[in-house]
Structures are given as structure tokens and as C-alpha cells.
Amino acid sequence: QLIDEGSITLQQVLNLTNCQSLALQDSGVRKYITKNIITLAQLLESTDAASNALSNIYVRKLIDKNSITLQQVLEISRAASQALSNTYVHELIEKGNITLQQVLELTSFANTALQGEDVHTFIDKNIVSMPEILGLTIQASFALRDKGTCELIQKGIVTMEQVLESTQEASFALSNTYIHKLIEQDTITIQ
């Protein structure tokens, strides 16, 4: 239909990324184009992260409430776009545990951690704070993605502080199930 109207050329359609194509198929995004909230040209120039964010109903609600600007969405990082599709992050925003600005500035390490169910539990139980999540290193993020490491934290064998301060070697060791068994059997210590 857009080609027939002359709004988009066949070449532009052929150059669409998958994310842009999905955004164009989204009824909410099409309404935004119809209402001139976003132009077709802006959508065609958008990154995959921005296209995904625009396809997200939650993000459009934030735009509608003037909580986020279209420009912020068009400049959104992949980590922030992914985080805004996470219902747990929505809850954190609503509870005031994290600001929208902090979400927009998320590092990929923090976003990765926020995708994990165990990390949700740690946040809810105040085992880890949002500032600690926001400042995660690659090593700590790697360790918190590991189910076994999270189990060691839940059992009180490893502290969150130890995980947050772990070196690359330590985080790799913590993710080794054999080492978990040795620690749990008191064959080796966490130190």
C-alpha cells in the first residue's frame, strides 16, 4: 500500500532491515506515521534497536505520556531497547527502583543481568542494589548469568560482594559446575 501511495519506493522496501519491516507492520507504529509522530523517513533511517523500541507497546505508552521523547527512542541503544521489552524492568520503573534515564543509559552488562530471573530475586530480596547492577563489570555480569553461581549465592556459600568484585578468572571458575561441587563438599574454599 505504501508503494502504491508513493510513500516508499520498491528499493527502500528491499533495503529494509527485518526490524524496520516488523515496525512497519506494527499497527501502533503505522498510527504514529499517520499522526505524524514519526515520519516514514525517520523509520527508514532508524537502527534495529530504535525500530524494536518503536514496535514495543510499552515504549509507545512512554512516548504518549511524554516520559520519553521520540528522539530518545531513535537514539536508543540495543541494551536499553531490550531492557524496555522486559516486564521486570517495567516493574522496577513503576516502583521507582530505576529511572527511565538509567534504563536509557544501561550497559550491555547490566541489561544482561536484568534478563536473569535469579537477578530479579536478588533485587527483590535486597541482596543486590540497583546501583550495583548498573555498575556491573563484565566479570560480575558473566557470573550472575550462571545458574550455579546464583545457587551458591542463594545458599550463602558465595556473597554478592564476592561476585561483584570477582576477577575474570574467578568468575570463570565460579561458573564451573565441578568447582561448585568441590566448594559445596568443602574440598576447596571460596577464597
N, C-alpha and C. Protein backbone atom coordinates (compact mmCIF):
# COMPACT_ATOMS: atom_id res chain seq x y z
N GLN A 1 0.82 -1.19 0.00
CA GLN A 1 0.00 0.00 0.00
C GLN A 1 0.87 1.26 0.00
N LEU A 2 1.93 1.28 0.80
CA LEU A 2 2.82 2.44 0.84
C LEU A 2 3.50 2.67 -0.50
N ILE A 3 3.81 1.57 -1.21
CA ILE A 3 4.43 1.70 -2.54
C ILE A 3 3.41 2.31 -3.50
N ASP A 4 2.17 1.81 -3.45
CA ASP A 4 1.11 2.34 -4.33
C ASP A 4 0.87 3.82 -4.09
N GLU A 5 0.97 4.25 -2.83
CA GLU A 5 0.76 5.66 -2.49
C GLU A 5 1.96 6.52 -2.86
N GLY A 6 3.07 5.87 -3.18
CA GLY A 6 4.29 6.62 -3.49
C GLY A 6 5.03 7.07 -2.24
N SER A 7 4.64 6.54 -1.08
CA SER A 7 5.28 6.92 0.19
C SER A 7 6.64 6.26 0.35
N ILE A 8 6.83 5.13 -0.31
CA ILE A 8 8.07 4.38 -0.20
C ILE A 8 8.34 3.72 -1.55
N THR A 9 9.60 3.65 -1.91
CA THR A 9 9.94 3.02 -3.19
C THR A 9 10.20 1.54 -2.98
N LEU A 10 10.17 0.81 -4.08
CA LEU A 10 10.46 -0.62 -4.01
C LEU A 10 11.88 -0.83 -3.50
N GLN A 11 12.81 0.02 -3.92
CA GLN A 11 14.20 -0.10 -3.47
C GLN A 11 14.30 0.09 -1.96
N GLN A 12 13.54 1.05 -1.42
CA GLN A 12 13.54 1.27 0.03
C GLN A 12 12.99 0.05 0.76
N VAL A 13 11.96 -0.56 0.19
CA VAL A 13 11.39 -1.76 0.79
C VAL A 13 12.43 -2.88 0.79
N LEU A 14 13.15 -3.02 -0.31
CA LEU A 14 14.17 -4.07 -0.41
C LEU A 14 15.32 -3.84 0.56
N ASN A 15 15.56 -2.57 0.93
CA ASN A 15 16.65 -2.24 1.85
C ASN A 15 16.25 -2.28 3.32
N LEU A 16 14.97 -2.54 3.60
CA LEU A 16 14.52 -2.58 4.99
C LEU A 16 15.22 -3.69 5.76
N THR A 17 15.59 -3.40 7.00
CA THR A 17 16.07 -4.47 7.87
C THR A 17 14.85 -5.22 8.37
N ASN A 18 15.07 -6.39 8.92
CA ASN A 18 13.96 -7.17 9.47
C ASN A 18 13.21 -6.37 10.54
N CYS A 19 13.97 -5.68 11.40
CA CYS A 19 13.34 -4.90 12.48
C CYS A 19 12.52 -3.74 11.93
N GLN A 20 13.02 -3.08 10.90
CA GLN A 20 12.26 -1.98 10.29
C GLN A 20 10.99 -2.52 9.64
N SER A 21 11.10 -3.67 8.99
CA SER A 21 9.95 -4.29 8.35
C SER A 21 8.88 -4.64 9.38
N LEU A 22 9.31 -5.22 10.50
CA LEU A 22 8.37 -5.56 11.56
C LEU A 22 7.73 -4.30 12.14
N ALA A 23 8.51 -3.23 12.28
CA ALA A 23 7.96 -1.97 12.79
C ALA A 23 6.90 -1.42 11.84
N LEU A 24 7.16 -1.52 10.54
CA LEU A 24 6.18 -1.04 9.56
C LEU A 24 4.89 -1.85 9.58
N GLN A 25 4.98 -3.10 9.99
CA GLN A 25 3.80 -3.96 10.08
C GLN A 25 3.02 -3.73 11.37
N ASP A 26 3.64 -3.09 12.34
CA ASP A 26 3.01 -2.85 13.64
C ASP A 26 1.95 -1.76 13.53
N SER A 27 0.73 -2.07 13.97
CA SER A 27 -0.36 -1.10 13.84
C SER A 27 -0.09 0.18 14.65
N GLY A 28 0.56 0.05 15.79
CA GLY A 28 0.89 1.23 16.60
C GLY A 28 1.87 2.14 15.90
N VAL A 29 2.86 1.56 15.25
CA VAL A 29 3.85 2.36 14.51
C VAL A 29 3.17 3.02 13.31
N ARG A 30 2.30 2.28 12.63
CA ARG A 30 1.58 2.87 11.49
C ARG A 30 0.72 4.05 11.93
N LYS A 31 0.10 3.94 13.11
CA LYS A 31 -0.68 5.07 13.65
C LYS A 31 0.23 6.27 13.91
N TYR A 32 1.42 6.01 14.41
CA TYR A 32 2.39 7.09 14.66
C TYR A 32 2.76 7.79 13.35
N ILE A 33 2.90 7.01 12.28
CA ILE A 33 3.21 7.59 10.97
C ILE A 33 2.02 8.41 10.48
N THR A 34 0.81 7.86 10.60
CA THR A 34 -0.41 8.56 10.18
C THR A 34 -0.59 9.86 10.95
N LYS A 35 -0.29 9.85 12.25
CA LYS A 35 -0.45 11.04 13.09
C LYS A 35 0.76 11.98 13.02
N ASN A 36 1.72 11.65 12.16
CA ASN A 36 2.96 12.43 12.01
C ASN A 36 3.77 12.55 13.30
N ILE A 37 3.67 11.55 14.16
CA ILE A 37 4.52 11.50 15.35
C ILE A 37 5.92 11.08 14.92
N ILE A 38 5.97 10.20 13.92
CA ILE A 38 7.23 9.80 13.30
C ILE A 38 7.00 9.81 11.79
N THR A 39 8.02 10.19 11.07
CA THR A 39 7.90 10.16 9.62
C THR A 39 8.40 8.82 9.11
N LEU A 40 7.95 8.48 7.93
CA LEU A 40 8.42 7.25 7.30
C LEU A 40 9.93 7.33 7.09
N ALA A 41 10.43 8.50 6.75
CA ALA A 41 11.87 8.68 6.55
C ALA A 41 12.64 8.38 7.84
N GLN A 42 12.11 8.85 8.98
CA GLN A 42 12.77 8.57 10.26
C GLN A 42 12.80 7.07 10.54
N LEU A 43 11.71 6.40 10.25
CA LEU A 43 11.65 4.96 10.47
C LEU A 43 12.64 4.24 9.55
N LEU A 44 12.72 4.68 8.30
CA LEU A 44 13.63 4.04 7.34
C LEU A 44 15.10 4.25 7.72
N GLU A 45 15.39 5.31 8.46
CA GLU A 45 16.76 5.60 8.89
C GLU A 45 17.06 5.04 10.28
N SER A 46 16.05 4.47 10.94
CA SER A 46 16.22 4.04 12.33
C SER A 46 17.08 2.78 12.42
N THR A 47 17.74 2.66 13.57
CA THR A 47 18.53 1.46 13.86
C THR A 47 17.57 0.33 14.22
N ASP A 48 18.10 -0.88 14.26
CA ASP A 48 17.27 -2.02 14.69
C ASP A 48 16.77 -1.81 16.12
N ALA A 49 17.64 -1.27 16.98
CA ALA A 49 17.23 -1.02 18.37
C ALA A 49 16.06 -0.05 18.42
N ALA A 50 16.12 1.01 17.63
CA ALA A 50 15.04 2.01 17.60
C ALA A 50 13.77 1.41 17.01
N SER A 51 13.90 0.65 15.93
CA SER A 51 12.73 0.00 15.32
C SER A 51 12.06 -0.95 16.30
N ASN A 52 12.87 -1.73 17.02
CA ASN A 52 12.31 -2.64 18.03
C ASN A 52 11.61 -1.86 19.13
N ALA A 53 12.23 -0.77 19.57
CA ALA A 53 11.63 0.04 20.63
C ALA A 53 10.30 0.62 20.17
N LEU A 54 10.25 1.11 18.93
CA LEU A 54 9.01 1.69 18.41
C LEU A 54 7.90 0.64 18.29
N SER A 55 8.28 -0.60 18.06
CA SER A 55 7.30 -1.69 17.96
C SER A 55 6.80 -2.14 19.33
N ASN A 56 7.42 -1.64 20.38
CA ASN A 56 7.10 -2.03 21.75
C ASN A 56 5.98 -1.15 22.30
N ILE A 57 4.86 -1.75 22.65
CA ILE A 57 3.70 -1.01 23.17
C ILE A 57 4.08 -0.19 24.40
N TYR A 58 4.91 -0.75 25.27
CA TYR A 58 5.32 -0.05 26.49
C TYR A 58 6.06 1.24 26.15
N VAL A 59 6.95 1.17 25.17
CA VAL A 59 7.71 2.36 24.76
C VAL A 59 6.76 3.40 24.17
N ARG A 60 5.80 2.96 23.36
CA ARG A 60 4.85 3.92 22.78
C ARG A 60 4.01 4.58 23.88
N LYS A 61 3.67 3.82 24.92
CA LYS A 61 2.94 4.42 26.05
C LYS A 61 3.80 5.49 26.72
N LEU A 62 5.10 5.21 26.85
CA LEU A 62 6.01 6.20 27.44
C LEU A 62 6.08 7.46 26.58
N ILE A 63 6.09 7.27 25.26
CA ILE A 63 6.10 8.42 24.34
C ILE A 63 4.79 9.20 24.50
N ASP A 64 3.68 8.48 24.53
CA ASP A 64 2.36 9.13 24.65
C ASP A 64 2.22 9.92 25.96
N LYS A 65 2.89 9.43 27.03
CA LYS A 65 2.83 10.12 28.33
C LYS A 65 3.92 11.19 28.46
N ASN A 66 4.67 11.40 27.37
CA ASN A 66 5.80 12.35 27.37
C ASN A 66 6.88 11.98 28.39
N SER A 67 6.99 10.69 28.72
CA SER A 67 8.03 10.22 29.63
C SER A 67 9.35 10.03 28.88
N ILE A 68 9.24 9.85 27.57
CA ILE A 68 10.41 9.67 26.71
C ILE A 68 10.09 10.36 25.39
N THR A 69 11.10 10.93 24.78
CA THR A 69 10.87 11.61 23.51
C THR A 69 11.13 10.67 22.34
N LEU A 70 10.56 11.01 21.21
CA LEU A 70 10.81 10.23 20.01
C LEU A 70 12.30 10.24 19.69
N GLN A 71 12.95 11.37 19.90
CA GLN A 71 14.39 11.47 19.63
C GLN A 71 15.17 10.49 20.50
N GLN A 72 14.79 10.37 21.78
CA GLN A 72 15.46 9.41 22.67
C GLN A 72 15.27 7.99 22.16
N VAL A 73 14.09 7.70 21.65
CA VAL A 73 13.82 6.36 21.12
C VAL A 73 14.65 6.13 19.85
N LEU A 74 14.73 7.13 19.00
CA LEU A 74 15.50 6.98 17.76
C LEU A 74 17.00 6.80 18.03
N GLU A 75 17.46 7.28 19.19
CA GLU A 75 18.88 7.18 19.55
C GLU A 75 19.14 6.06 20.56
N ILE A 76 18.14 5.24 20.83
CA ILE A 76 18.23 4.23 21.89
C ILE A 76 19.30 3.18 21.59
N SER A 77 19.95 2.71 22.63
CA SER A 77 20.94 1.65 22.48
C SER A 77 20.24 0.29 22.44
N ARG A 78 20.94 -0.70 21.98
CA ARG A 78 20.38 -2.04 21.93
C ARG A 78 20.05 -2.53 23.34
N ALA A 79 20.94 -2.26 24.29
CA ALA A 79 20.72 -2.69 25.68
C ALA A 79 19.45 -2.06 26.25
N ALA A 80 19.28 -0.77 26.02
CA ALA A 80 18.09 -0.07 26.55
C ALA A 80 16.82 -0.56 25.86
N SER A 81 16.89 -0.79 24.56
CA SER A 81 15.74 -1.29 23.81
C SER A 81 15.31 -2.65 24.34
N GLN A 82 16.29 -3.53 24.57
CA GLN A 82 15.99 -4.86 25.12
C GLN A 82 15.42 -4.75 26.53
N ALA A 83 16.01 -3.87 27.33
CA ALA A 83 15.54 -3.72 28.71
C ALA A 83 14.09 -3.24 28.74
N LEU A 84 13.74 -2.34 27.83
CA LEU A 84 12.37 -1.82 27.81
C LEU A 84 11.35 -2.83 27.31
N SER A 85 11.82 -3.97 26.81
CA SER A 85 10.88 -5.04 26.44
C SER A 85 10.75 -6.07 27.57
N ASN A 86 11.43 -5.82 28.68
CA ASN A 86 11.45 -6.72 29.82
C ASN A 86 10.42 -6.25 30.85
N THR A 87 9.40 -7.06 31.11
CA THR A 87 8.34 -6.64 32.04
C THR A 87 8.87 -6.41 33.45
N TYR A 88 9.94 -7.11 33.82
CA TYR A 88 10.52 -6.87 35.15
C TYR A 88 11.09 -5.46 35.23
N VAL A 89 11.70 -4.99 34.16
CA VAL A 89 12.22 -3.62 34.12
C VAL A 89 11.06 -2.63 34.22
N HIS A 90 9.94 -2.94 33.59
CA HIS A 90 8.74 -2.08 33.71
C HIS A 90 8.36 -1.95 35.18
N GLU A 91 8.36 -3.09 35.90
CA GLU A 91 8.02 -3.09 37.32
C GLU A 91 9.00 -2.24 38.11
N LEU A 92 10.29 -2.37 37.80
CA LEU A 92 11.31 -1.59 38.51
C LEU A 92 11.10 -0.10 38.29
N ILE A 93 10.73 0.27 37.08
CA ILE A 93 10.47 1.69 36.77
C ILE A 93 9.25 2.16 37.56
N GLU A 94 8.19 1.37 37.53
CA GLU A 94 6.95 1.75 38.22
C GLU A 94 7.15 1.86 39.73
N LYS A 95 8.00 0.99 40.30
CA LYS A 95 8.28 1.03 41.75
C LYS A 95 9.25 2.15 42.11
N GLY A 96 9.87 2.75 41.10
CA GLY A 96 10.85 3.79 41.36
C GLY A 96 12.23 3.25 41.70
N ASN A 97 12.46 1.95 41.45
CA ASN A 97 13.76 1.34 41.74
C ASN A 97 14.81 1.72 40.70
N ILE A 98 14.35 2.11 39.52
CA ILE A 98 15.25 2.53 38.45
C ILE A 98 14.52 3.62 37.66
N THR A 99 15.26 4.59 37.23
CA THR A 99 14.63 5.66 36.44
C THR A 99 14.69 5.30 34.96
N LEU A 100 13.84 5.93 34.21
CA LEU A 100 13.86 5.73 32.76
C LEU A 100 15.20 6.16 32.19
N GLN A 101 15.76 7.24 32.73
CA GLN A 101 17.06 7.71 32.26
C GLN A 101 18.14 6.66 32.52
N GLN A 102 18.08 5.99 33.68
CA GLN A 102 19.05 4.94 33.97
C GLN A 102 18.90 3.78 32.99
N VAL A 103 17.66 3.46 32.63
CA VAL A 103 17.43 2.39 31.65
C VAL A 103 18.03 2.79 30.30
N LEU A 104 17.84 4.04 29.92
CA LEU A 104 18.38 4.51 28.63
C LEU A 104 19.91 4.48 28.61
N GLU A 105 20.53 4.54 29.78
CA GLU A 105 21.99 4.55 29.88
C GLU A 105 22.56 3.18 30.25
N LEU A 106 21.73 2.15 30.27
CA LEU A 106 22.19 0.81 30.67
C LEU A 106 23.36 0.33 29.82
N THR A 107 24.29 -0.32 30.49
CA THR A 107 25.36 -1.00 29.76
C THR A 107 24.82 -2.37 29.34
N SER A 108 25.48 -2.97 28.40
CA SER A 108 25.05 -4.31 27.98
C SER A 108 25.20 -5.30 29.14
N PHE A 109 26.19 -5.08 30.03
CA PHE A 109 26.39 -5.98 31.17
C PHE A 109 25.20 -5.90 32.13
N ALA A 110 24.76 -4.68 32.43
CA ALA A 110 23.62 -4.50 33.33
C ALA A 110 22.35 -5.07 32.70
N ASN A 111 22.15 -4.82 31.41
CA ASN A 111 20.97 -5.34 30.73
C ASN A 111 20.97 -6.86 30.76
N THR A 112 22.11 -7.47 30.52
CA THR A 112 22.19 -8.93 30.54
C THR A 112 21.80 -9.46 31.91
N ALA A 113 22.30 -8.82 32.95
CA ALA A 113 21.96 -9.25 34.31
C ALA A 113 20.46 -9.11 34.57
N LEU A 114 19.88 -8.01 34.10
CA LEU A 114 18.44 -7.77 34.33
C LEU A 114 17.55 -8.76 33.59
N GLN A 115 18.10 -9.50 32.64
CA GLN A 115 17.32 -10.50 31.92
C GLN A 115 17.17 -11.79 32.74
N GLY A 116 17.99 -11.95 33.78
CA GLY A 116 18.00 -13.20 34.54
C GLY A 116 17.02 -13.23 35.69
N GLU A 117 16.27 -14.32 35.79
CA GLU A 117 15.29 -14.49 36.87
C GLU A 117 15.95 -14.46 38.24
N ASP A 118 17.14 -15.07 38.36
CA ASP A 118 17.83 -15.08 39.65
C ASP A 118 18.17 -13.67 40.09
N VAL A 119 18.58 -12.84 39.16
CA VAL A 119 18.92 -11.45 39.49
C VAL A 119 17.67 -10.72 39.96
N HIS A 120 16.51 -11.01 39.37
CA HIS A 120 15.25 -10.41 39.83
C HIS A 120 15.03 -10.73 41.31
N THR A 121 15.27 -12.01 41.66
CA THR A 121 15.12 -12.44 43.05
C THR A 121 16.09 -11.69 43.95
N PHE A 122 17.35 -11.55 43.50
CA PHE A 122 18.36 -10.86 44.30
C PHE A 122 17.98 -9.40 44.52
N ILE A 123 17.43 -8.77 43.50
CA ILE A 123 16.99 -7.36 43.63
C ILE A 123 15.81 -7.29 44.60
N ASP A 124 14.83 -8.17 44.40
CA ASP A 124 13.63 -8.16 45.25
C ASP A 124 13.96 -8.42 46.72
N LYS A 125 14.98 -9.24 46.98
CA LYS A 125 15.37 -9.57 48.36
C LYS A 125 16.46 -8.63 48.89
N ASN A 126 16.77 -7.59 48.12
CA ASN A 126 17.82 -6.62 48.50
C ASN A 126 19.19 -7.26 48.70
N ILE A 127 19.46 -8.32 47.97
CA ILE A 127 20.77 -8.95 48.01
C ILE A 127 21.74 -8.15 47.14
N VAL A 128 21.19 -7.53 46.10
CA VAL A 128 21.98 -6.65 45.23
C VAL A 128 21.16 -5.38 45.01
N SER A 129 21.85 -4.27 44.95
CA SER A 129 21.15 -2.99 44.76
C SER A 129 21.15 -2.60 43.29
N MET A 130 20.27 -1.69 42.94
CA MET A 130 20.25 -1.21 41.55
C MET A 130 21.56 -0.51 41.20
N PRO A 131 22.14 0.32 42.08
CA PRO A 131 23.44 0.91 41.71
C PRO A 131 24.51 -0.15 41.42
N GLU A 132 24.46 -1.27 42.16
CA GLU A 132 25.42 -2.35 41.89
C GLU A 132 25.15 -2.98 40.53
N ILE A 133 23.88 -3.18 40.20
CA ILE A 133 23.53 -3.74 38.89
C ILE A 133 23.97 -2.79 37.79
N LEU A 134 23.70 -1.50 37.98
CA LEU A 134 24.04 -0.51 36.95
C LEU A 134 25.54 -0.40 36.73
N GLY A 135 26.33 -0.75 37.74
CA GLY A 135 27.78 -0.65 37.61
C GLY A 135 28.49 -1.97 37.40
N LEU A 136 27.76 -2.98 36.97
CA LEU A 136 28.36 -4.31 36.80
C LEU A 136 29.54 -4.32 35.84
N THR A 137 30.53 -5.09 36.20
CA THR A 137 31.65 -5.34 35.29
C THR A 137 31.29 -6.54 34.43
N ILE A 138 32.06 -6.76 33.41
CA ILE A 138 31.82 -7.92 32.55
C ILE A 138 31.95 -9.21 33.35
N GLN A 139 32.92 -9.24 34.28
CA GLN A 139 33.12 -10.45 35.08
C GLN A 139 31.91 -10.75 35.95
N ALA A 140 31.40 -9.74 36.64
CA ALA A 140 30.25 -9.94 37.52
C ALA A 140 29.01 -10.30 36.71
N SER A 141 28.85 -9.66 35.57
CA SER A 141 27.71 -9.96 34.70
C SER A 141 27.77 -11.41 34.25
N PHE A 142 28.95 -11.86 33.87
CA PHE A 142 29.14 -13.25 33.45
C PHE A 142 28.78 -14.19 34.60
N ALA A 143 29.25 -13.89 35.79
CA ALA A 143 28.98 -14.75 36.95
C ALA A 143 27.49 -14.79 37.27
N LEU A 144 26.82 -13.64 37.17
CA LEU A 144 25.39 -13.59 37.51
C LEU A 144 24.50 -14.23 36.44
N ARG A 145 25.05 -14.50 35.28
CA ARG A 145 24.30 -15.22 34.24
C ARG A 145 24.33 -16.73 34.51
N ASP A 146 25.24 -17.15 35.36
CA ASP A 146 25.43 -18.57 35.61
C ASP A 146 24.50 -19.07 36.71
N LYS A 147 23.71 -20.07 36.39
CA LYS A 147 22.73 -20.62 37.34
C LYS A 147 23.42 -21.17 38.59
N GLY A 148 24.53 -21.86 38.41
CA GLY A 148 25.25 -22.44 39.55
C GLY A 148 25.78 -21.38 40.50
N THR A 149 26.31 -20.30 39.95
CA THR A 149 26.81 -19.21 40.78
C THR A 149 25.65 -18.61 41.58
N CYS A 150 24.52 -18.44 40.91
CA CYS A 150 23.34 -17.88 41.59
C CYS A 150 22.88 -18.81 42.71
N GLU A 151 22.98 -20.13 42.50
CA GLU A 151 22.62 -21.08 43.55
C GLU A 151 23.57 -20.96 44.73
N LEU A 152 24.87 -20.78 44.46
CA LEU A 152 25.85 -20.60 45.54
C LEU A 152 25.54 -19.34 46.35
N ILE A 153 25.09 -18.29 45.67
CA ILE A 153 24.71 -17.06 46.37
C ILE A 153 23.48 -17.32 47.24
N GLN A 154 22.48 -18.00 46.67
CA GLN A 154 21.25 -18.28 47.42
C GLN A 154 21.51 -19.16 48.63
N LYS A 155 22.49 -20.05 48.54
CA LYS A 155 22.83 -20.93 49.66
C LYS A 155 23.73 -20.23 50.68
N GLY A 156 24.18 -19.03 50.35
CA GLY A 156 25.04 -18.29 51.27
C GLY A 156 26.50 -18.74 51.23
N ILE A 157 26.85 -19.54 50.24
CA ILE A 157 28.23 -20.03 50.12
C ILE A 157 29.12 -18.94 49.51
N VAL A 158 28.57 -18.20 48.59
CA VAL A 158 29.26 -17.08 47.96
C VAL A 158 28.44 -15.83 48.25
N THR A 159 29.11 -14.74 48.55
CA THR A 159 28.37 -13.49 48.79
C THR A 159 28.27 -12.71 47.49
N MET A 160 27.28 -11.85 47.45
CA MET A 160 27.13 -10.98 46.28
C MET A 160 28.37 -10.10 46.14
N GLU A 161 28.91 -9.66 47.26
CA GLU A 161 30.11 -8.81 47.23
C GLU A 161 31.27 -9.54 46.55
N GLN A 162 31.43 -10.83 46.86
CA GLN A 162 32.49 -11.61 46.22
C GLN A 162 32.27 -11.70 44.71
N VAL A 163 31.03 -11.88 44.30
CA VAL A 163 30.73 -11.96 42.87
C VAL A 163 30.99 -10.61 42.20
N LEU A 164 30.54 -9.53 42.84
CA LEU A 164 30.70 -8.20 42.25
C LEU A 164 32.17 -7.81 42.12
N GLU A 165 33.00 -8.33 43.02
CA GLU A 165 34.43 -7.99 42.99
C GLU A 165 35.28 -9.05 42.30
N SER A 166 34.66 -10.06 41.72
CA SER A 166 35.42 -11.17 41.15
C SER A 166 36.24 -10.75 39.93
N THR A 167 37.37 -11.40 39.81
CA THR A 167 38.23 -11.20 38.64
C THR A 167 37.67 -12.05 37.50
N GLN A 168 38.22 -11.88 36.34
CA GLN A 168 37.76 -12.68 35.20
C GLN A 168 37.98 -14.16 35.48
N GLU A 169 39.14 -14.49 36.02
CA GLU A 169 39.45 -15.89 36.31
C GLU A 169 38.48 -16.46 37.35
N ALA A 170 38.19 -15.66 38.38
CA ALA A 170 37.28 -16.12 39.43
C ALA A 170 35.87 -16.30 38.90
N SER A 171 35.42 -15.39 38.03
CA SER A 171 34.06 -15.53 37.50
C SER A 171 33.96 -16.77 36.61
N PHE A 172 35.02 -17.07 35.86
CA PHE A 172 35.01 -18.30 35.05
C PHE A 172 35.00 -19.52 35.97
N ALA A 173 35.80 -19.48 37.03
CA ALA A 173 35.85 -20.60 37.97
C ALA A 173 34.49 -20.78 38.65
N LEU A 174 33.85 -19.66 39.01
CA LEU A 174 32.54 -19.75 39.66
C LEU A 174 31.48 -20.36 38.75
N SER A 175 31.67 -20.27 37.46
CA SER A 175 30.67 -20.82 36.54
C SER A 175 30.93 -22.28 36.19
N ASN A 176 31.92 -22.88 36.83
CA ASN A 176 32.29 -24.27 36.59
C ASN A 176 31.54 -25.17 37.58
N THR A 177 30.71 -26.06 37.07
CA THR A 177 29.89 -26.91 37.96
C THR A 177 30.75 -27.84 38.81
N TYR A 178 31.89 -28.26 38.31
CA TYR A 178 32.78 -29.12 39.10
C TYR A 178 33.30 -28.35 40.31
N ILE A 179 33.65 -27.09 40.10
CA ILE A 179 34.13 -26.26 41.21
C ILE A 179 32.99 -26.04 42.21
N HIS A 180 31.76 -25.90 41.73
CA HIS A 180 30.60 -25.77 42.64
C HIS A 180 30.55 -26.97 43.58
N LYS A 181 30.71 -28.17 43.01
CA LYS A 181 30.64 -29.38 43.83
C LYS A 181 31.76 -29.40 44.86
N LEU A 182 32.97 -29.02 44.43
CA LEU A 182 34.10 -29.00 45.37
C LEU A 182 33.87 -28.00 46.50
N ILE A 183 33.30 -26.85 46.17
CA ILE A 183 33.00 -25.84 47.20
C ILE A 183 31.94 -26.36 48.15
N GLU A 184 30.88 -26.95 47.61
CA GLU A 184 29.79 -27.46 48.45
C GLU A 184 30.24 -28.63 49.32
N GLN A 185 31.24 -29.39 48.87
CA GLN A 185 31.76 -30.53 49.64
C GLN A 185 32.88 -30.10 50.59
N ASP A 186 33.14 -28.79 50.65
CA ASP A 186 34.23 -28.25 51.48
C ASP A 186 35.59 -28.81 51.09
N THR A 187 35.74 -29.26 49.85
CA THR A 187 37.04 -29.73 49.36
C THR A 187 37.94 -28.53 49.08
N ILE A 188 37.34 -27.47 48.56
CA ILE A 188 38.07 -26.20 48.37
C ILE A 188 37.22 -25.08 48.97
N THR A 189 37.88 -23.99 49.28
CA THR A 189 37.14 -22.85 49.84
C THR A 189 36.86 -21.84 48.72
N ILE A 190 35.97 -20.94 49.00
CA ILE A 190 35.63 -19.91 48.04
C ILE A 190 36.82 -18.98 47.80
N GLN A 191 37.68 -18.81 48.81
CA GLN A 191 38.85 -17.96 48.65
C GLN A 191 39.77 -18.55 47.61
